Amino acid sequence: MGLVGMIANPAASKDIRRLVAQGRVVPDWEKVNTVRRVMLGLQSVGVKRVLAMPDSSNLVRRASDDPNLSIGLEFLDMPSFNSEGDTVRAAALMAEQGVDCLVTLGGDGTNRAAVVGCRNLPMVAISTGTNNVFPAMVEGTLAGLAAGMVAEGKLDLSEVSQSSKIMNVYVDGELRDIALIDVALSKERFVATRAIWDIDTLFEVFLTRAEPASIGLSSIGARLAAVSLADEGGLRYSIAGPEEEASAGSCTVLAPIAPGVVPAVVISSWQRMADGERLAVEKRDCMVALDGERAFSVNRSQQLEVEVIRDGPPVIDVDLALKIASSQGLFNLAPGN
C-alpha cells in the first residue's frame, strides 16, 4: 500500500519580487484547492494514506475538509518554525517513515530544502513559486494521478522519471550546501529579504539547467547555451558590472530575470561545466545565493568551489506517466467497478 508525502509551502510566491517585479501571488486558498485536487487524484488510483508536513497556514488540513475525500491523512510529529528548516526536517522524516513518493507545492527554494532533507525520494514538484525551473506548472489532479500510480507500484519509476542534477557548494574543501538550479554570487554581504532580484549585484552564476522558456538566472544562461534536465553537466557565466565596459570577448543578451523584467545583461565570459567538475571561484568577499535566495557569505580568505553532479531525486514527468499509464490500460476498470 503506497504512502505519499505532501509538503506545501505557505510562503511560496510571497517574497519581495511582488514589489520589485510583477511576480504572481498564489493565495493560500488556491494552494488549498491544489492540494485537495492532488489528494482526490491520489485517492482515485488507490492511495490510502498521505503523510503531510504541518504548516502555519494549515494548507493540507484545510484541503482535507471535503466530503468526497476519504483518504487517510496523517501529520508529521514536528514543530513548525516557519522556515526552510521545516521542509528539510519534513523530507527527512518522510524518508524515515517509508514514503514512496513526495508531492511538493512551492518554488525552487522549497524543493531545494526538500532535497537537503532527502536526496532520493521520488518527487512530483508543483510550481507555486516565482522563478521556477525545478517544479512544473501542472494541474493538481493530474499530479495526484501520476504520484499515486508510482506510489502504488503501478508504474515503473525508471520509465516515468529523470534523475535530477544538483550543485554541491564547497568552502575550503568542505561541502557547505547544495542547489538544484542555480548558485549566484553577489557583491552584497547581507541576507536581508533573501530573494535575489537586482541583477546588478551579481557577478557570477552557476547553473544545472539553462532553459530558454524559463524566468530568472536560468534564462540568461539559455541565451548562451541551452542545458536541459537530460543534458549532462551545467553552465557557468560571469556578469559584467554596470561600471565595467564591454570587452572584446563579452556579449549582451536580453533575458527575463523576473516576471515583467527583461533587461539587457552583459556577459563577460561563460563556459559549459562537465559533470563532476569542480570549478573554483576567485577569492573575494561575497554572498552565496542558492536557487534564488541568499544563503551564506564567504570572505576573501576562503576558497569557494562549485560542481554539478547527477545525484538528485527522481523527478516524475506527469505527462509521460499518464501517457504510459493510459497505454498500459491502468485506467481501464473491470466490469462492475
C-alpha atoms as a PDB file:
ATOM      1  CA  MET A   1       0.000   0.000   0.000  1.00  0.00           C
ATOM      2  CA  GLY A   2       1.547   3.262  -1.162  1.00  0.00           C
ATOM      3  CA  LEU A   3       2.344   6.161   1.158  1.00  0.00           C
ATOM      4  CA  VAL A   4       2.539   9.649  -0.357  1.00  0.00           C
ATOM      5  CA  GLY A   5       4.231  12.593   1.341  1.00  0.00           C
ATOM      6  CA  MET A   6       2.885  16.136   0.994  1.00  0.00           C
ATOM      7  CA  ILE A   7       4.863  19.329   1.559  1.00  0.00           C
ATOM      8  CA  ALA A   8       3.022  22.588   0.821  1.00  0.00           C
ATOM      9  CA  ASN A   9       4.920  25.808   1.444  1.00  0.00           C
ATOM     10  CA  PRO A  10       2.602  28.648   2.548  1.00  0.00           C
ATOM     11  CA  ALA A  11       5.363  31.240   1.985  1.00  0.00           C
ATOM     12  CA  ALA A  12       5.911  30.402  -1.699  1.00  0.00           C
ATOM     13  CA  SER A  13       5.107  33.265  -4.120  1.00  0.00           C
ATOM     14  CA  LYS A  14       5.056  35.876  -1.341  1.00  0.00           C
ATOM     15  CA  ASP A  15       8.572  37.373  -1.392  1.00  0.00           C
ATOM     16  CA  ILE A  16       9.851  40.836  -2.366  1.00  0.00           C
ATOM     17  CA  ARG A  17       9.538  40.129  -6.099  1.00  0.00           C
ATOM     18  CA  ARG A  18       5.854  41.055  -5.805  1.00  0.00           C
ATOM     19  CA  LEU A  19       7.086  44.608  -5.082  1.00  0.00           C
ATOM     20  CA  VAL A  20      10.116  44.961  -7.370  1.00  0.00           C
ATOM     21  CA  ALA A  21       8.711  42.940 -10.294  1.00  0.00           C
ATOM     22  CA  GLN A  22       5.378  41.593 -11.498  1.00  0.00           C
ATOM     23  CA  GLY A  23       5.652  38.239  -9.712  1.00  0.00           C
ATOM     24  CA  ARG A  24       2.383  36.376  -9.349  1.00  0.00           C
ATOM     25  CA  VAL A  25       0.815  35.727  -5.971  1.00  0.00           C
ATOM     26  CA  VAL A  26      -0.629  32.279  -5.327  1.00  0.00           C
ATOM     27  CA  PRO A  27      -3.006  32.854  -2.392  1.00  0.00           C
ATOM     28  CA  ASP A  28      -3.495  30.267   0.310  1.00  0.00           C
ATOM     29  CA  TRP A  29      -6.968  29.353  -0.923  1.00  0.00           C
ATOM     30  CA  GLU A  30      -5.548  28.386  -4.322  1.00  0.00           C
ATOM     31  CA  LYS A  31      -2.855  26.273  -2.664  1.00  0.00           C
ATOM     32  CA  VAL A  32      -5.574  24.595  -0.583  1.00  0.00           C
ATOM     33  CA  ASN A  33      -7.554  23.862  -3.756  1.00  0.00           C
ATOM     34  CA  THR A  34      -4.462  22.451  -5.452  1.00  0.00           C
ATOM     35  CA  VAL A  35      -3.671  20.182  -2.502  1.00  0.00           C
ATOM     36  CA  ARG A  36      -7.294  18.996  -2.454  1.00  0.00           C
ATOM     37  CA  ARG A  37      -7.140  18.120  -6.150  1.00  0.00           C
ATOM     38  CA  VAL A  38      -3.870  16.238  -5.597  1.00  0.00           C
ATOM     39  CA  MET A  39      -5.479  14.212  -2.806  1.00  0.00           C
ATOM     40  CA  LEU A  40      -8.536  13.423  -4.927  1.00  0.00           C
ATOM     41  CA  GLY A  41      -6.232  12.241  -7.708  1.00  0.00           C
ATOM     42  CA  LEU A  42      -4.286  10.064  -5.273  1.00  0.00           C
ATOM     43  CA  GLN A  43      -7.478   8.599  -3.856  1.00  0.00           C
ATOM     44  CA  SER A  44      -8.843   7.713  -7.295  1.00  0.00           C
ATOM     45  CA  VAL A  45      -5.889   5.419  -8.067  1.00  0.00           C
ATOM     46  CA  GLY A  46      -5.961   3.586  -4.761  1.00  0.00           C
ATOM     47  CA  VAL A  47      -3.704   5.538  -2.406  1.00  0.00           C
ATOM     48  CA  LYS A  48      -4.987   5.134   1.152  1.00  0.00           C
ATOM     49  CA  ARG A  49      -2.541   7.250   3.168  1.00  0.00           C
ATOM     50  CA  VAL A  50      -0.997  10.709   2.928  1.00  0.00           C
ATOM     51  CA  LEU A  51       1.706  11.913   5.328  1.00  0.00           C
ATOM     52  CA  ALA A  52       1.876  15.708   5.432  1.00  0.00           C
ATOM     53  CA  MET A  53       4.104  18.426   6.828  1.00  0.00           C
ATOM     54  CA  PRO A  54       2.289  20.709   9.295  1.00  0.00           C
ATOM     55  CA  ASP A  55       2.420  24.370   8.298  1.00  0.00           C
ATOM     56  CA  SER A  56       1.392  27.719   9.724  1.00  0.00           C
ATOM     57  CA  SER A  57      -1.487  28.152   7.248  1.00  0.00           C
ATOM     58  CA  ASN A  58      -2.868  24.618   7.698  1.00  0.00           C
ATOM     59  CA  LEU A  59      -2.977  24.181   3.917  1.00  0.00           C
ATOM     60  CA  VAL A  60      -3.226  20.386   3.872  1.00  0.00           C
ATOM     61  CA  ARG A  61      -5.613  20.209   6.832  1.00  0.00           C
ATOM     62  CA  ARG A  62      -7.960  22.699   5.163  1.00  0.00           C
ATOM     63  CA  ALA A  63      -7.701  20.801   1.874  1.00  0.00           C
ATOM     64  CA  SER A  64      -8.825  17.585   3.571  1.00  0.00           C
ATOM     65  CA  ASP A  65     -12.137  19.186   4.592  1.00  0.00           C
ATOM     66  CA  ASP A  66     -14.094  17.773   1.666  1.00  0.00           C
ATOM     67  CA  PRO A  67     -16.960  15.241   1.702  1.00  0.00           C
ATOM     68  CA  ASN A  68     -15.503  13.478  -1.339  1.00  0.00           C
ATOM     69  CA  LEU A  69     -12.225  12.718   0.425  1.00  0.00           C
ATOM     70  CA  SER A  70     -11.856   9.529   2.434  1.00  0.00           C
ATOM     71  CA  ILE A  71      -8.085   9.162   2.121  1.00  0.00           C
ATOM     72  CA  GLY A  72      -6.251   8.721   5.418  1.00  0.00           C
ATOM     73  CA  LEU A  73      -4.338  11.863   6.389  1.00  0.00           C
ATOM     74  CA  GLU A  74      -1.555  11.902   8.973  1.00  0.00           C
ATOM     75  CA  PHE A  75       0.740  14.738  10.009  1.00  0.00           C
ATOM     76  CA  LEU A  76       4.381  14.526  10.961  1.00  0.00           C
ATOM     77  CA  ASP A  77       5.017  14.944  14.677  1.00  0.00           C
ATOM     78  CA  MET A  78       7.204  18.021  14.382  1.00  0.00           C
ATOM     79  CA  PRO A  79       7.013  21.698  15.359  1.00  0.00           C
ATOM     80  CA  SER A  80       6.616  24.385  12.709  1.00  0.00           C
ATOM     81  CA  PHE A  81       9.121  27.257  12.820  1.00  0.00           C
ATOM     82  CA  ASN A  82       8.033  28.922   9.555  1.00  0.00           C
ATOM     83  CA  SER A  83      11.470  28.436   7.999  1.00  0.00           C
ATOM     84  CA  GLU A  84      13.038  26.289   5.295  1.00  0.00           C
ATOM     85  CA  GLY A  85      14.260  24.047   8.094  1.00  0.00           C
ATOM     86  CA  ASP A  86      10.668  22.788   8.407  1.00  0.00           C
ATOM     87  CA  THR A  87      10.837  21.391   4.878  1.00  0.00           C
ATOM     88  CA  VAL A  88      14.292  19.892   5.456  1.00  0.00           C
ATOM     89  CA  ARG A  89      13.126  18.072   8.584  1.00  0.00           C
ATOM     90  CA  ALA A  90       9.843  17.003   6.992  1.00  0.00           C
ATOM     91  CA  ALA A  91      11.526  15.396   3.979  1.00  0.00           C
ATOM     92  CA  ALA A  92      13.992  13.558   6.218  1.00  0.00           C
ATOM     93  CA  LEU A  93      11.196  12.252   8.457  1.00  0.00           C
ATOM     94  CA  MET A  94       9.123  11.173   5.463  1.00  0.00           C
ATOM     95  CA  ALA A  95      12.045   9.168   4.102  1.00  0.00           C
ATOM     96  CA  GLU A  96      12.463   7.508   7.504  1.00  0.00           C
ATOM     97  CA  GLN A  97       8.765   6.600   7.577  1.00  0.00           C
ATOM     98  CA  GLY A  98       8.820   4.955   4.163  1.00  0.00           C
ATOM     99  CA  VAL A  99       7.157   7.496   1.890  1.00  0.00           C
ATOM    100  CA  ASP A 100       7.026   6.127  -1.666  1.00  0.00           C
ATOM    101  CA  CYS A 101       6.543   9.451  -3.465  1.00  0.00           C
ATOM    102  CA  LEU A 102       6.717  13.092  -2.364  1.00  0.00           C
ATOM    103  CA  VAL A 103       4.456  15.829  -3.736  1.00  0.00           C
ATOM    104  CA  THR A 104       5.660  19.392  -3.169  1.00  0.00           C
ATOM    105  CA  LEU A 105       3.966  22.753  -3.673  1.00  0.00           C
ATOM    106  CA  GLY A 106       6.440  25.608  -3.851  1.00  0.00           C
ATOM    107  CA  GLY A 107       9.311  27.004  -5.861  1.00  0.00           C
ATOM    108  CA  ASP A 108      12.939  26.129  -6.474  1.00  0.00           C
ATOM    109  CA  GLY A 109      13.783  27.056  -2.885  1.00  0.00           C
ATOM    110  CA  THR A 110      11.105  24.797  -1.401  1.00  0.00           C
ATOM    111  CA  ASN A 111      12.308  21.848  -3.444  1.00  0.00           C
ATOM    112  CA  ARG A 112      15.950  22.532  -2.605  1.00  0.00           C
ATOM    113  CA  ALA A 113      15.075  22.309   1.086  1.00  0.00           C
ATOM    114  CA  ALA A 114      13.252  19.018   0.487  1.00  0.00           C
ATOM    115  CA  VAL A 115      16.274  17.571  -1.315  1.00  0.00           C
ATOM    116  CA  VAL A 116      18.572  18.708   1.508  1.00  0.00           C
ATOM    117  CA  GLY A 117      16.364  16.576   3.759  1.00  0.00           C
ATOM    118  CA  CYS A 118      16.441  13.548   1.452  1.00  0.00           C
ATOM    119  CA  ARG A 119      18.112  13.189  -1.934  1.00  0.00           C
ATOM    120  CA  ASN A 120      16.412  10.032  -3.183  1.00  0.00           C
ATOM    121  CA  LEU A 121      12.646  10.428  -2.660  1.00  0.00           C
ATOM    122  CA  PRO A 122      10.756  10.303  -5.994  1.00  0.00           C
ATOM    123  CA  MET A 123       9.114  13.699  -6.451  1.00  0.00           C
ATOM    124  CA  VAL A 124       6.220  15.377  -8.196  1.00  0.00           C
ATOM    125  CA  ALA A 125       7.006  19.084  -7.885  1.00  0.00           C
ATOM    126  CA  ILE A 126       4.134  21.540  -8.457  1.00  0.00           C
ATOM    127  CA  SER A 127       5.094  25.156  -9.087  1.00  0.00           C
ATOM    128  CA  THR A 128       3.558  27.761  -6.794  1.00  0.00           C
ATOM    129  CA  GLY A 129       6.636  29.991  -6.501  1.00  0.00           C
ATOM    130  CA  THR A 130       8.250  32.724  -8.607  1.00  0.00           C
ATOM    131  CA  ASN A 131      11.212  31.972 -10.903  1.00  0.00           C
ATOM    132  CA  ASN A 132      10.639  28.228 -11.028  1.00  0.00           C
ATOM    133  CA  VAL A 133      12.686  25.805 -13.107  1.00  0.00           C
ATOM    134  CA  PHE A 134      12.648  22.656 -10.955  1.00  0.00           C
ATOM    135  CA  PRO A 135       8.879  22.402 -10.301  1.00  0.00           C
ATOM    136  CA  ALA A 136       6.368  22.316 -13.163  1.00  0.00           C
ATOM    137  CA  MET A 137       3.102  24.116 -13.783  1.00  0.00           C
ATOM    138  CA  VAL A 138       0.846  21.083 -13.514  1.00  0.00           C
ATOM    139  CA  GLU A 139      -2.803  20.657 -12.566  1.00  0.00           C
ATOM    140  CA  GLY A 140      -3.182  19.119  -9.122  1.00  0.00           C
ATOM    141  CA  THR A 141      -5.471  16.246 -10.121  1.00  0.00           C
ATOM    142  CA  LEU A 142      -3.015  15.082 -12.789  1.00  0.00           C
ATOM    143  CA  ALA A 143      -0.112  15.387 -10.358  1.00  0.00           C
ATOM    144  CA  GLY A 144      -2.022  13.224  -7.881  1.00  0.00           C
ATOM    145  CA  LEU A 145      -2.781  10.584 -10.505  1.00  0.00           C
ATOM    146  CA  ALA A 146       0.881  10.325 -11.521  1.00  0.00           C
ATOM    147  CA  ALA A 147       2.203  10.319  -7.956  1.00  0.00           C
ATOM    148  CA  GLY A 148      -0.373   7.738  -6.924  1.00  0.00           C
ATOM    149  CA  MET A 149       0.459   5.395  -9.798  1.00  0.00           C
ATOM    150  CA  VAL A 150       4.131   5.481  -8.824  1.00  0.00           C
ATOM    151  CA  ALA A 151       3.483   5.139  -5.084  1.00  0.00           C
ATOM    152  CA  GLU A 152       1.214   2.135  -5.652  1.00  0.00           C
ATOM    153  CA  GLY A 153       3.827   0.442  -7.824  1.00  0.00           C
ATOM    154  CA  LYS A 154       1.620   0.507 -10.915  1.00  0.00           C
ATOM    155  CA  LEU A 155       4.262   2.359 -12.927  1.00  0.00           C
ATOM    156  CA  ASP A 156       7.977   1.669 -13.205  1.00  0.00           C
ATOM    157  CA  LEU A 157       9.700   4.709 -11.699  1.00  0.00           C
ATOM    158  CA  SER A 158      12.647   4.418 -14.091  1.00  0.00           C
ATOM    159  CA  GLU A 159      10.296   4.740 -17.090  1.00  0.00           C
ATOM    160  CA  VAL A 160       8.478   7.872 -15.936  1.00  0.00           C
ATOM    161  CA  SER A 161      11.181   9.899 -14.183  1.00  0.00           C
ATOM    162  CA  GLN A 162      14.532  11.561 -14.736  1.00  0.00           C
ATOM    163  CA  SER A 163      17.205  11.756 -12.045  1.00  0.00           C
ATOM    164  CA  SER A 164      17.817  15.415 -11.268  1.00  0.00           C
ATOM    165  CA  LYS A 165      21.117  17.255 -11.120  1.00  0.00           C
ATOM    166  CA  ILE A 166      22.350  19.138  -8.095  1.00  0.00           C
ATOM    167  CA  MET A 167      25.199  21.526  -7.394  1.00  0.00           C
ATOM    168  CA  ASN A 168      27.482  20.877  -4.467  1.00  0.00           C
ATOM    169  CA  VAL A 169      28.934  24.068  -2.988  1.00  0.00           C
ATOM    170  CA  TYR A 170      32.250  23.659  -1.163  1.00  0.00           C
ATOM    171  CA  VAL A 171      34.023  26.112   1.140  1.00  0.00           C
ATOM    172  CA  ASP A 172      37.699  25.282   1.776  1.00  0.00           C
ATOM    173  CA  GLY A 173      37.107  21.755   0.503  1.00  0.00           C
ATOM    174  CA  GLU A 174      34.148  21.014   2.799  1.00  0.00           C
ATOM    175  CA  LEU A 175      30.605  20.571   1.464  1.00  0.00           C
ATOM    176  CA  ARG A 176      28.642  23.608   2.683  1.00  0.00           C
ATOM    177  CA  ASP A 177      25.292  23.342   0.888  1.00  0.00           C
ATOM    178  CA  ILE A 178      23.535  22.345  -2.327  1.00  0.00           C
ATOM    179  CA  ALA A 179      21.395  23.928  -5.035  1.00  0.00           C
ATOM    180  CA  LEU A 180      19.055  22.385  -7.595  1.00  0.00           C
ATOM    181  CA  ILE A 181      19.140  25.024 -10.333  1.00  0.00           C
ATOM    182  CA  ASP A 182      21.435  27.976  -9.665  1.00  0.00           C
ATOM    183  CA  VAL A 183      24.229  29.238  -7.458  1.00  0.00           C
ATOM    184  CA  ALA A 184      24.668  33.010  -7.725  1.00  0.00           C
ATOM    185  CA  LEU A 185      27.446  35.101  -6.219  1.00  0.00           C
ATOM    186  CA  SER A 186      26.562  38.607  -5.087  1.00  0.00           C
ATOM    187  CA  LYS A 187      28.789  41.582  -4.292  1.00  0.00           C
ATOM    188  CA  GLU A 188      26.443  42.426  -1.420  1.00  0.00           C
ATOM    189  CA  ARG A 189      27.265  40.980   2.006  1.00  0.00           C
ATOM    190  CA  PHE A 190      23.845  40.804   3.656  1.00  0.00           C
ATOM    191  CA  VAL A 191      20.958  38.326   3.569  1.00  0.00           C
ATOM    192  CA  ALA A 192      18.113  40.865   4.016  1.00  0.00           C
ATOM    193  CA  THR A 193      14.943  39.683   2.222  1.00  0.00           C
ATOM    194  CA  ARG A 194      16.904  36.692   0.863  1.00  0.00           C
ATOM    195  CA  ALA A 195      15.343  36.748  -2.624  1.00  0.00           C
ATOM    196  CA  ILE A 196      17.733  37.745  -5.427  1.00  0.00           C
ATOM    197  CA  TRP A 197      16.151  40.377  -7.668  1.00  0.00           C
ATOM    198  CA  ASP A 198      18.793  43.008  -8.583  1.00  0.00           C
ATOM    199  CA  ILE A 199      20.977  41.638 -11.391  1.00  0.00           C
ATOM    200  CA  ASP A 200      23.478  44.481 -10.917  1.00  0.00           C
ATOM    201  CA  THR A 201      24.593  42.962  -7.607  1.00  0.00           C
ATOM    202  CA  LEU A 202      25.613  39.628  -9.173  1.00  0.00           C
ATOM    203  CA  PHE A 203      28.962  38.798 -10.730  1.00  0.00           C
ATOM    204  CA  GLU A 204      28.972  35.022 -11.281  1.00  0.00           C
ATOM    205  CA  VAL A 205      26.321  32.330 -11.774  1.00  0.00           C
ATOM    206  CA  PHE A 206      26.436  28.522 -11.967  1.00  0.00           C
ATOM    207  CA  LEU A 207      23.533  26.508 -13.423  1.00  0.00           C
ATOM    208  CA  THR A 208      22.441  22.890 -13.623  1.00  0.00           C
ATOM    209  CA  ARG A 209      19.837  23.877 -16.216  1.00  0.00           C
ATOM    210  CA  ALA A 210      19.634  26.736 -18.686  1.00  0.00           C
ATOM    211  CA  GLU A 211      16.092  26.629 -20.022  1.00  0.00           C
ATOM    212  CA  PRO A 212      15.076  29.031 -22.836  1.00  0.00           C
ATOM    213  CA  ALA A 213      11.444  29.072 -21.664  1.00  0.00           C
ATOM    214  CA  SER A 214      12.230  29.975 -18.057  1.00  0.00           C
ATOM    215  CA  ILE A 215      12.405  33.161 -15.999  1.00  0.00           C
ATOM    216  CA  GLY A 216      15.385  34.091 -13.860  1.00  0.00           C
ATOM    217  CA  LEU A 217      19.086  33.311 -13.947  1.00  0.00           C
ATOM    218  CA  SER A 218      18.459  30.137 -15.944  1.00  0.00           C
ATOM    219  CA  SER A 219      17.033  32.184 -18.817  1.00  0.00           C
ATOM    220  CA  ILE A 220      20.256  34.219 -19.072  1.00  0.00           C
ATOM    221  CA  GLY A 221      22.290  31.034 -19.361  1.00  0.00           C
ATOM    222  CA  ALA A 222      19.950  29.696 -22.034  1.00  0.00           C
ATOM    223  CA  ARG A 223      20.853  32.664 -24.266  1.00  0.00           C
ATOM    224  CA  LEU A 224      24.427  31.324 -24.199  1.00  0.00           C
ATOM    225  CA  ALA A 225      23.782  27.566 -24.443  1.00  0.00           C
ATOM    226  CA  ALA A 226      20.633  25.634 -23.613  1.00  0.00           C
ATOM    227  CA  VAL A 227      21.118  22.962 -20.938  1.00  0.00           C
ATOM    228  CA  SER A 228      18.168  20.714 -20.106  1.00  0.00           C
ATOM    229  CA  LEU A 229      17.477  18.298 -17.279  1.00  0.00           C
ATOM    230  CA  ALA A 230      18.515  15.446 -19.569  1.00  0.00           C
ATOM    231  CA  ASP A 231      21.829  17.072 -20.550  1.00  0.00           C
ATOM    232  CA  GLU A 232      24.921  16.218 -18.546  1.00  0.00           C
ATOM    233  CA  GLY A 233      26.816  18.948 -16.685  1.00  0.00           C
ATOM    234  CA  GLY A 234      25.852  22.583 -16.381  1.00  0.00           C
ATOM    235  CA  LEU A 235      26.898  26.118 -17.280  1.00  0.00           C
ATOM    236  CA  ARG A 236      28.799  28.989 -15.662  1.00  0.00           C
ATOM    237  CA  TYR A 237      28.711  32.645 -16.689  1.00  0.00           C
ATOM    238  CA  SER A 238      30.161  35.909 -15.385  1.00  0.00           C
ATOM    239  CA  ILE A 239      28.165  39.138 -15.433  1.00  0.00           C
ATOM    240  CA  ALA A 240      29.883  42.429 -16.180  1.00  0.00           C
ATOM    241  CA  GLY A 241      29.017  45.090 -13.622  1.00  0.00           C
ATOM    242  CA  PRO A 242      27.442  48.424 -14.628  1.00  0.00           C
ATOM    243  CA  GLU A 243      30.814  50.112 -14.024  1.00  0.00           C
ATOM    244  CA  GLU A 244      32.615  47.724 -16.394  1.00  0.00           C
ATOM    245  CA  GLU A 245      32.920  48.321 -20.111  1.00  0.00           C
ATOM    246  CA  ALA A 246      32.114  45.570 -22.583  1.00  0.00           C
ATOM    247  CA  SER A 247      35.294  43.740 -23.597  1.00  0.00           C
ATOM    248  CA  ALA A 248      36.176  42.045 -26.860  1.00  0.00           C
ATOM    249  CA  GLY A 249      35.048  38.635 -25.592  1.00  0.00           C
ATOM    250  CA  SER A 250      31.822  39.799 -23.996  1.00  0.00           C
ATOM    251  CA  CYS A 251      28.270  39.581 -25.298  1.00  0.00           C
ATOM    252  CA  THR A 252      24.969  41.196 -24.401  1.00  0.00           C
ATOM    253  CA  VAL A 253      21.770  39.181 -24.123  1.00  0.00           C
ATOM    254  CA  LEU A 254      18.137  40.003 -23.468  1.00  0.00           C
ATOM    255  CA  ALA A 255      16.565  37.771 -20.821  1.00  0.00           C
ATOM    256  CA  PRO A 256      13.583  37.816 -18.415  1.00  0.00           C
ATOM    257  CA  ILE A 257      15.234  37.837 -14.994  1.00  0.00           C
ATOM    258  CA  ALA A 258      11.940  38.298 -13.131  1.00  0.00           C
ATOM    259  CA  PRO A 259       8.270  38.437 -14.141  1.00  0.00           C
ATOM    260  CA  GLY A 260       7.844  41.508 -16.336  1.00  0.00           C
ATOM    261  CA  VAL A 261      11.553  42.451 -16.114  1.00  0.00           C
ATOM    262  CA  VAL A 262      13.551  41.868 -19.328  1.00  0.00           C
ATOM    263  CA  PRO A 263      16.885  43.755 -19.198  1.00  0.00           C
ATOM    264  CA  ALA A 264      19.982  43.598 -21.359  1.00  0.00           C
ATOM    265  CA  VAL A 265      22.668  41.640 -19.491  1.00  0.00           C
ATOM    266  CA  VAL A 266      26.363  41.911 -20.368  1.00  0.00           C
ATOM    267  CA  ILE A 267      28.143  38.563 -20.099  1.00  0.00           C
ATOM    268  CA  SER A 268      31.917  38.909 -19.755  1.00  0.00           C
ATOM    269  CA  SER A 269      32.647  35.164 -20.067  1.00  0.00           C
ATOM    270  CA  TRP A 270      30.954  31.777 -19.920  1.00  0.00           C
ATOM    271  CA  GLN A 271      31.663  28.065 -20.176  1.00  0.00           C
ATOM    272  CA  ARG A 272      29.961  24.679 -20.022  1.00  0.00           C
ATOM    273  CA  MET A 273      30.547  22.656 -16.860  1.00  0.00           C
ATOM    274  CA  ALA A 274      31.319  18.948 -17.108  1.00  0.00           C
ATOM    275  CA  ASP A 275      29.592  16.501 -14.804  1.00  0.00           C
ATOM    276  CA  GLY A 276      31.612  16.152 -11.602  1.00  0.00           C
ATOM    277  CA  GLU A 277      33.971  19.031 -12.453  1.00  0.00           C
ATOM    278  CA  ARG A 278      34.738  21.381  -9.544  1.00  0.00           C
ATOM    279  CA  LEU A 279      35.159  24.990 -10.590  1.00  0.00           C
ATOM    280  CA  ALA A 280      36.967  27.301  -8.183  1.00  0.00           C
ATOM    281  CA  VAL A 281      35.853  30.896  -7.728  1.00  0.00           C
ATOM    282  CA  GLU A 282      38.374  33.707  -7.416  1.00  0.00           C
ATOM    283  CA  LYS A 283      38.689  34.511  -3.722  1.00  0.00           C
ATOM    284  CA  ARG A 284      36.740  37.612  -2.673  1.00  0.00           C
ATOM    285  CA  ASP A 285      34.129  38.758  -0.192  1.00  0.00           C
ATOM    286  CA  CYS A 286      30.687  37.767  -1.447  1.00  0.00           C
ATOM    287  CA  MET A 287      27.252  36.404  -0.622  1.00  0.00           C
ATOM    288  CA  VAL A 288      26.236  32.990  -1.977  1.00  0.00           C
ATOM    289  CA  ALA A 289      22.634  32.615  -3.142  1.00  0.00           C
ATOM    290  CA  LEU A 290      21.140  29.159  -3.682  1.00  0.00           C
ATOM    291  CA  ASP A 291      18.166  28.727  -6.015  1.00  0.00           C
ATOM    292  CA  GLY A 292      17.334  32.413  -5.903  1.00  0.00           C
ATOM    293  CA  GLU A 293      17.791  33.043  -2.179  1.00  0.00           C
ATOM    294  CA  ARG A 294      20.801  34.426  -0.306  1.00  0.00           C
ATOM    295  CA  ALA A 295      22.166  31.697   1.955  1.00  0.00           C
ATOM    296  CA  PHE A 296      25.620  32.455   3.386  1.00  0.00           C
ATOM    297  CA  SER A 297      28.676  34.669   2.913  1.00  0.00           C
ATOM    298  CA  VAL A 298      32.340  33.882   2.326  1.00  0.00           C
ATOM    299  CA  ASN A 299      35.362  36.131   2.750  1.00  0.00           C
ATOM    300  CA  ARG A 300      38.450  36.651   0.630  1.00  0.00           C
ATOM    301  CA  SER A 301      40.450  34.105   2.626  1.00  0.00           C
ATOM    302  CA  GLN A 302      38.033  31.260   1.823  1.00  0.00           C
ATOM    303  CA  GLN A 303      38.033  29.116  -1.312  1.00  0.00           C
ATOM    304  CA  LEU A 304      34.626  28.570  -2.890  1.00  0.00           C
ATOM    305  CA  GLU A 305      34.102  25.694  -5.349  1.00  0.00           C
ATOM    306  CA  VAL A 306      31.014  24.512  -7.253  1.00  0.00           C
ATOM    307  CA  GLU A 307      30.343  21.210  -9.034  1.00  0.00           C
ATOM    308  CA  VAL A 308      27.384  19.744 -10.925  1.00  0.00           C
ATOM    309  CA  ILE A 309      26.544  16.074 -10.418  1.00  0.00           C
ATOM    310  CA  ARG A 310      23.534  13.902 -11.222  1.00  0.00           C
ATOM    311  CA  ASP A 311      22.824  12.902  -7.657  1.00  0.00           C
ATOM    312  CA  GLY A 312      19.378  14.354  -7.047  1.00  0.00           C
ATOM    313  CA  PRO A 313      15.966  12.730  -6.634  1.00  0.00           C
ATOM    314  CA  PRO A 314      13.977  11.146  -9.477  1.00  0.00           C
ATOM    315  CA  VAL A 315      11.567  13.778 -10.811  1.00  0.00           C
ATOM    316  CA  ILE A 316       8.373  12.268 -12.200  1.00  0.00           C
ATOM    317  CA  ASP A 317       7.253  13.529 -15.612  1.00  0.00           C
ATOM    318  CA  VAL A 318       3.493  13.796 -15.099  1.00  0.00           C
ATOM    319  CA  ASP A 319       2.641  13.913 -18.820  1.00  0.00           C
ATOM    320  CA  LEU A 320       4.803  10.867 -19.551  1.00  0.00           C
ATOM    321  CA  ALA A 321       3.469   8.961 -16.542  1.00  0.00           C
ATOM    322  CA  LEU A 322      -0.147   9.475 -17.593  1.00  0.00           C
ATOM    323  CA  LYS A 323       0.637   8.590 -21.210  1.00  0.00           C
ATOM    324  CA  ILE A 324       2.271   5.301 -20.185  1.00  0.00           C
ATOM    325  CA  ALA A 325      -0.498   4.541 -17.682  1.00  0.00           C
ATOM    326  CA  SER A 326      -3.095   5.014 -20.420  1.00  0.00           C
ATOM    327  CA  SER A 327      -1.177   2.880 -22.917  1.00  0.00           C
ATOM    328  CA  GLN A 328      -0.951   0.076 -20.341  1.00  0.00           C
ATOM    329  CA  GLY A 329      -4.684   0.222 -19.619  1.00  0.00           C
ATOM    330  CA  LEU A 330      -4.196   1.237 -15.999  1.00  0.00           C
ATOM    331  CA  PHE A 331      -7.252   3.492 -16.129  1.00  0.00           C
ATOM    332  CA  ASN A 332      -9.484   0.754 -17.557  1.00  0.00           C
ATOM    333  CA  LEU A 333     -11.942  -0.541 -14.957  1.00  0.00           C
ATOM    334  CA  ALA A 334     -13.164  -4.106 -14.737  1.00  0.00           C
ATOM    335  CA  PRO A 335     -16.906  -4.660 -15.381  1.00  0.00           C
ATOM    336  CA  GLY A 336     -18.957  -3.747 -12.353  1.00  0.00           C
ATOM    337  CA  ASN A 337     -16.410  -1.265 -10.937  1.00  0.00           C
END
